[in-house]
Amino acid sequence: MKAKFTGTDTYVAADDLMASVEVAMELEKPLLIKGEPGTGKTMLAEAVSKALGKDLLIWNIKSTTKAQDGLYIYDTIQRLYDSQFGVEGVDDIARYIKLGKLGEAFKREEQVVLLIDEIDKADLEFPNDLLWELDKMEFYINETKETVKAKVRPIVIITSNAEKELPDAFLRRCIFHYIQFPDRDLMKQIVDAHFENLEENLLEQAMETFYRIRSIRDLRKKPSTSEFIDWIRAMMIGGVDPDTIDVRLPYLGVLIKKDEDLEVVRKVTY
């Protein structure tokens, strides 16, 4: 019987998110995750890995990343260097083939969780360049005439911050889930997972102020879940009186990261 993802002791997942993970695993399709920054998109892959007892491979995408980087790289520079210094085995091209994260996932004997993080940072052709590999779970190495086929299909989780629109052909191959910002009940569960014996009044006052700040329409960057956790931690360390939180707004720089937003919050709350 396959193990099911139900979150972890430090990652509280909403029911619809857990259901999306299960569907993606059953249908053997990549799970594409979107949501506000700080809602746990990247941490989801870590939680799935921990909950299911599987290794986690992370492919961090940058603006310069190419799809080829995730498959393999032929290190021609090292081969040239070795040939100049008479290193044995320089004719064995396979020695100079370095597998990327996708290639490594395919080569594993046991199933792994593969996180392709922030796919929308790459150029527009990047997702389309991975269609075959993610669909068929194989790729061809021209230099060695070898086909690398996944021994066990990895659990693929892809995150996007919606900086660019992803191609329709790519979207068709994914299970999509948007992580909604936690409501107060779910936020309380998330906080409880991070703190033991947190003073109830501190949590209540902090949540009331936090959601009031998030409701301000003119904020350019609303504070996230992770920033809320940091804010509570800062107030615990500083010994803040819970009854003064909504007036003093202590450690506001933990929640608000833009000058313009600081001004807006102060005008609205003071």
Protein backbone atom coordinates (compact mmCIF):
# COMPACT_ATOMS: atom_id res chain seq x y z
CA MET A 1 0.00 0.00 0.00
CA LYS A 2 1.36 3.42 -0.95
CA ALA A 3 2.15 5.86 1.85
CA LYS A 4 -0.11 8.91 1.94
CA PHE A 5 0.96 12.48 2.53
CA THR A 6 -0.73 13.99 5.57
CA GLY A 7 1.73 16.74 6.40
CA THR A 8 4.42 16.57 9.07
CA ASP A 9 4.87 17.74 12.62
CA THR A 10 6.20 21.08 11.32
CA TYR A 11 4.27 21.41 8.03
CA VAL A 12 0.52 21.77 8.37
CA ALA A 13 -1.17 21.23 5.02
CA ALA A 14 -4.76 22.08 4.17
CA ASP A 15 -6.98 19.19 3.07
CA ASP A 16 -7.14 20.34 -0.55
CA LEU A 17 -3.34 20.53 -0.75
CA MET A 18 -2.93 17.03 0.65
CA ALA A 19 -5.52 15.82 -1.88
CA SER A 20 -3.59 17.44 -4.75
CA VAL A 21 -0.38 15.73 -3.65
CA GLU A 22 -2.17 12.39 -3.58
CA VAL A 23 -3.72 12.90 -7.02
CA ALA A 24 -0.37 13.88 -8.54
CA MET A 25 1.27 10.79 -7.05
CA GLU A 26 -1.50 8.46 -8.21
CA LEU A 27 -1.59 9.90 -11.74
CA GLU A 28 2.22 10.09 -11.84
CA LYS A 29 2.19 13.69 -13.01
CA PRO A 30 4.22 16.70 -11.86
CA LEU A 31 2.51 18.83 -9.22
CA LEU A 32 2.69 22.54 -10.09
CA ILE A 33 2.37 24.74 -7.02
CA LYS A 34 1.61 28.45 -7.01
CA GLY A 35 0.75 30.80 -4.16
CA GLU A 36 1.82 33.94 -2.36
CA PRO A 37 5.49 34.11 -1.29
CA GLY A 38 5.88 32.56 2.15
CA THR A 39 2.95 30.16 1.92
CA GLY A 40 5.17 27.09 1.98
CA LYS A 41 5.56 26.19 -1.70
CA THR A 42 9.20 25.13 -1.43
CA MET A 43 8.70 23.62 2.00
CA LEU A 44 6.00 21.34 0.58
CA ALA A 45 8.60 19.24 -1.23
CA GLU A 46 10.65 18.97 1.96
CA ALA A 47 7.54 17.90 3.87
CA VAL A 48 6.57 15.26 1.26
CA SER A 49 10.12 13.93 1.34
CA LYS A 50 10.11 13.69 5.13
CA ALA A 51 6.61 12.28 5.42
CA LEU A 52 7.20 9.54 2.83
CA GLY A 53 10.79 8.80 3.86
CA LYS A 54 12.24 9.60 0.43
CA ASP A 55 15.35 11.52 -0.58
CA LEU A 56 14.86 15.07 -1.79
CA LEU A 57 16.67 16.47 -4.84
CA ILE A 58 16.40 20.23 -5.42
CA TRP A 59 16.89 21.92 -8.78
CA ASN A 60 16.97 25.65 -8.11
CA ILE A 61 16.07 27.53 -11.28
CA LYS A 62 17.74 30.83 -12.17
CA SER A 63 17.30 33.24 -15.09
CA THR A 64 20.28 31.60 -16.82
CA THR A 65 19.19 27.99 -16.25
CA LYS A 66 18.64 25.83 -19.32
CA ALA A 67 16.66 22.61 -19.47
CA GLN A 68 19.83 20.78 -20.51
CA ASP A 69 21.37 21.65 -17.12
CA GLY A 70 18.90 19.37 -15.40
CA LEU A 71 19.66 16.43 -17.68
CA TYR A 72 23.43 16.33 -18.05
CA ILE A 73 26.49 18.43 -18.81
CA TYR A 74 29.40 17.34 -20.99
CA ASP A 75 32.49 18.76 -19.31
CA THR A 76 34.61 19.50 -22.37
CA ILE A 77 36.88 21.86 -20.43
CA GLN A 78 37.89 19.15 -17.96
CA ARG A 79 38.47 16.68 -20.77
CA LEU A 80 40.70 19.16 -22.60
CA TYR A 81 42.58 19.87 -19.38
CA ASP A 82 43.11 16.15 -18.74
CA SER A 83 44.30 15.54 -22.32
CA GLN A 84 46.89 18.29 -21.99
CA PHE A 85 48.33 16.71 -18.86
CA GLY A 86 48.21 13.12 -20.09
CA VAL A 87 45.54 11.87 -17.70
CA GLU A 88 44.57 8.26 -18.39
CA GLY A 89 41.07 7.48 -19.64
CA VAL A 90 40.59 10.76 -21.46
CA ASP A 91 39.08 8.82 -24.38
CA ASP A 92 36.26 7.61 -22.16
CA ILE A 93 33.68 10.35 -22.76
CA ALA A 94 31.37 8.91 -20.12
CA ARG A 95 33.81 10.11 -17.46
CA TYR A 96 33.01 13.68 -18.44
CA ILE A 97 29.24 13.38 -18.40
CA LYS A 98 27.84 14.98 -15.24
CA LEU A 99 24.19 14.28 -14.53
CA GLY A 100 21.91 17.14 -13.54
CA LYS A 101 19.18 16.85 -10.89
CA LEU A 102 16.66 15.34 -13.29
CA GLY A 103 19.23 12.88 -14.58
CA GLU A 104 20.21 11.99 -11.04
CA ALA A 105 16.57 11.38 -10.11
CA PHE A 106 16.19 9.04 -13.10
CA LYS A 107 19.29 7.06 -12.11
CA ARG A 108 18.20 6.43 -8.53
CA GLU A 109 17.24 2.87 -7.64
CA GLU A 110 14.52 4.11 -5.28
CA GLN A 111 11.90 6.79 -5.77
CA VAL A 112 12.93 10.33 -4.84
CA VAL A 113 11.13 13.65 -4.52
CA LEU A 114 12.40 16.11 -7.13
CA LEU A 115 11.76 19.81 -6.52
CA ILE A 116 12.03 22.12 -9.54
CA ASP A 117 11.99 25.40 -7.66
CA GLU A 118 10.76 28.67 -9.20
CA ILE A 119 10.45 27.44 -12.76
CA ASP A 120 9.14 30.82 -13.91
CA LYS A 121 12.56 32.42 -13.35
CA ALA A 122 13.91 30.75 -16.50
CA ASP A 123 13.19 31.88 -20.04
CA LEU A 124 9.87 31.15 -21.75
CA GLU A 125 11.16 28.10 -23.62
CA PHE A 126 12.43 26.34 -20.50
CA PRO A 127 9.18 24.51 -19.57
CA ASN A 128 8.58 23.40 -23.17
CA ASP A 129 12.13 22.05 -23.38
CA LEU A 130 11.30 19.63 -20.55
CA LEU A 131 8.02 18.28 -21.95
CA TRP A 132 9.43 15.02 -23.31
CA GLU A 133 11.61 14.29 -20.28
CA LEU A 134 8.84 14.90 -17.75
CA ASP A 135 6.29 12.99 -19.83
CA LYS A 136 8.37 9.98 -20.90
CA MET A 137 10.83 10.09 -17.99
CA GLU A 138 13.83 9.59 -20.24
CA PHE A 139 16.44 11.51 -22.24
CA TYR A 140 19.23 10.77 -24.69
CA ILE A 141 22.93 11.55 -24.21
CA ASN A 142 24.34 12.32 -27.66
CA GLU A 143 27.99 12.01 -26.66
CA THR A 144 27.69 8.45 -25.35
CA LYS A 145 24.68 7.29 -27.42
CA GLU A 146 22.94 6.33 -24.18
CA THR A 147 19.29 6.66 -23.22
CA VAL A 148 18.77 7.44 -19.55
CA LYS A 149 15.35 6.17 -18.47
CA ALA A 150 13.95 6.54 -14.98
CA LYS A 151 14.25 3.32 -13.01
CA VAL A 152 11.50 4.61 -10.73
CA ARG A 153 9.39 7.63 -11.66
CA PRO A 154 10.23 10.44 -9.19
CA ILE A 155 7.61 12.50 -7.40
CA VAL A 156 8.03 15.86 -9.16
CA ILE A 157 6.97 19.08 -7.44
CA ILE A 158 7.33 22.33 -9.37
CA THR A 159 6.94 25.78 -7.84
CA SER A 160 6.14 29.05 -9.58
CA ASN A 161 5.79 32.62 -8.34
CA ALA A 162 3.75 33.53 -11.42
CA GLU A 163 6.43 35.92 -12.70
CA LYS A 164 5.78 34.54 -16.20
CA GLU A 165 2.91 32.68 -17.81
CA LEU A 166 3.73 29.02 -18.34
CA PRO A 167 2.99 27.38 -21.74
CA ASP A 168 -0.32 25.57 -22.16
CA ALA A 169 1.41 22.40 -23.36
CA PHE A 170 3.37 22.31 -20.11
CA LEU A 171 0.33 23.05 -17.95
CA ARG A 172 -1.59 20.17 -19.55
CA ARG A 173 0.97 17.73 -18.21
CA CYS A 174 0.76 18.98 -14.62
CA ILE A 175 -1.61 18.77 -11.71
CA PHE A 176 -2.11 22.37 -10.58
CA HIS A 177 -2.67 23.65 -7.05
CA TYR A 178 -2.78 27.20 -5.72
CA ILE A 179 -1.96 27.44 -2.02
CA GLN A 180 -4.48 29.83 -0.54
CA PHE A 181 -3.31 32.08 2.28
CA PRO A 182 -4.18 30.35 5.58
CA ASP A 183 -7.35 31.41 7.36
CA ARG A 184 -7.15 31.97 11.10
CA ASP A 185 -7.93 28.38 12.06
CA LEU A 186 -5.26 26.95 9.79
CA MET A 187 -2.80 29.67 10.83
CA LYS A 188 -3.28 28.69 14.46
CA GLN A 189 -2.44 25.08 13.58
CA ILE A 190 0.67 26.25 11.70
CA VAL A 191 1.81 28.38 14.66
CA ASP A 192 1.14 25.55 17.12
CA ALA A 193 3.38 23.31 15.01
CA HIS A 194 6.27 25.76 15.44
CA PHE A 195 5.89 26.70 19.12
CA GLU A 196 5.35 24.77 22.31
CA ASN A 197 3.32 26.34 25.11
CA LEU A 198 2.84 29.65 23.30
CA GLU A 199 0.91 32.12 25.45
CA GLU A 200 -2.66 32.15 24.13
CA ASN A 201 -3.09 35.90 24.58
CA LEU A 202 0.10 36.57 22.61
CA LEU A 203 -1.14 34.44 19.72
CA GLU A 204 -4.60 36.01 19.72
CA GLN A 205 -3.30 39.59 19.79
CA ALA A 206 -0.60 38.85 17.20
CA MET A 207 -3.09 37.22 14.82
CA GLU A 208 -5.60 40.03 15.21
CA THR A 209 -2.94 42.64 14.36
CA PHE A 210 -1.40 40.52 11.59
CA TYR A 211 -4.65 39.99 9.70
CA ARG A 212 -5.58 43.65 10.19
CA ILE A 213 -2.28 44.66 8.56
CA ARG A 214 -2.83 42.19 5.71
CA SER A 215 -6.26 43.69 5.06
CA ILE A 216 -4.75 47.11 4.24
CA ARG A 217 -5.46 47.56 0.53
CA ASP A 218 -2.47 49.70 -0.42
CA LEU A 219 0.27 47.34 0.75
CA ARG A 220 2.67 46.42 -2.05
CA LYS A 221 3.88 43.29 -0.23
CA LYS A 222 1.59 41.71 2.31
CA PRO A 223 3.34 39.90 5.20
CA SER A 224 3.56 36.14 4.73
CA THR A 225 3.09 33.11 6.94
CA SER A 226 6.83 32.68 7.44
CA GLU A 227 7.15 36.35 8.42
CA PHE A 228 4.32 35.93 10.92
CA ILE A 229 6.16 33.02 12.53
CA ASP A 230 9.33 35.14 12.72
CA TRP A 231 7.34 38.03 14.22
CA ILE A 232 5.96 35.86 17.01
CA ARG A 233 9.43 34.53 17.71
CA ALA A 234 10.84 38.07 17.87
CA MET A 235 8.13 39.17 20.31
CA MET A 236 8.76 36.14 22.51
CA ILE A 237 12.49 36.91 22.60
CA GLY A 238 11.80 40.59 23.32
CA GLY A 239 9.27 39.84 26.07
CA VAL A 240 6.58 41.98 24.45
CA ASP A 241 3.39 42.55 26.43
CA PRO A 242 0.62 41.01 24.26
CA ASP A 243 -1.85 43.75 25.20
CA THR A 244 0.39 46.41 23.60
CA ILE A 245 0.91 44.69 20.23
CA ASP A 246 -1.86 46.46 18.33
CA VAL A 247 -0.69 49.86 19.57
CA ARG A 248 3.09 49.57 19.58
CA LEU A 249 3.45 47.26 16.55
CA PRO A 250 6.77 45.93 17.87
CA TYR A 251 9.43 44.68 15.45
CA LEU A 252 7.37 45.86 12.50
CA GLY A 253 10.40 45.38 10.23
CA VAL A 254 10.00 41.62 10.65
CA LEU A 255 6.62 41.81 8.92
CA ILE A 256 6.98 44.74 6.53
CA LYS A 257 9.92 44.88 4.12
CA LYS A 258 9.20 47.94 1.96
CA ASP A 259 9.59 51.60 2.97
CA GLU A 260 6.32 52.58 1.33
CA ASP A 261 4.45 49.83 3.19
CA LEU A 262 5.87 50.94 6.54
CA GLU A 263 4.44 54.38 5.96
CA VAL A 264 1.06 52.99 4.93
CA VAL A 265 0.83 50.72 7.99
CA ARG A 266 1.78 53.52 10.37
CA LYS A 267 -0.78 55.90 8.87
CA VAL A 268 -3.57 53.35 9.05
CA THR A 269 -2.81 51.94 12.50
CA TYR A 270 -1.67 54.98 14.46
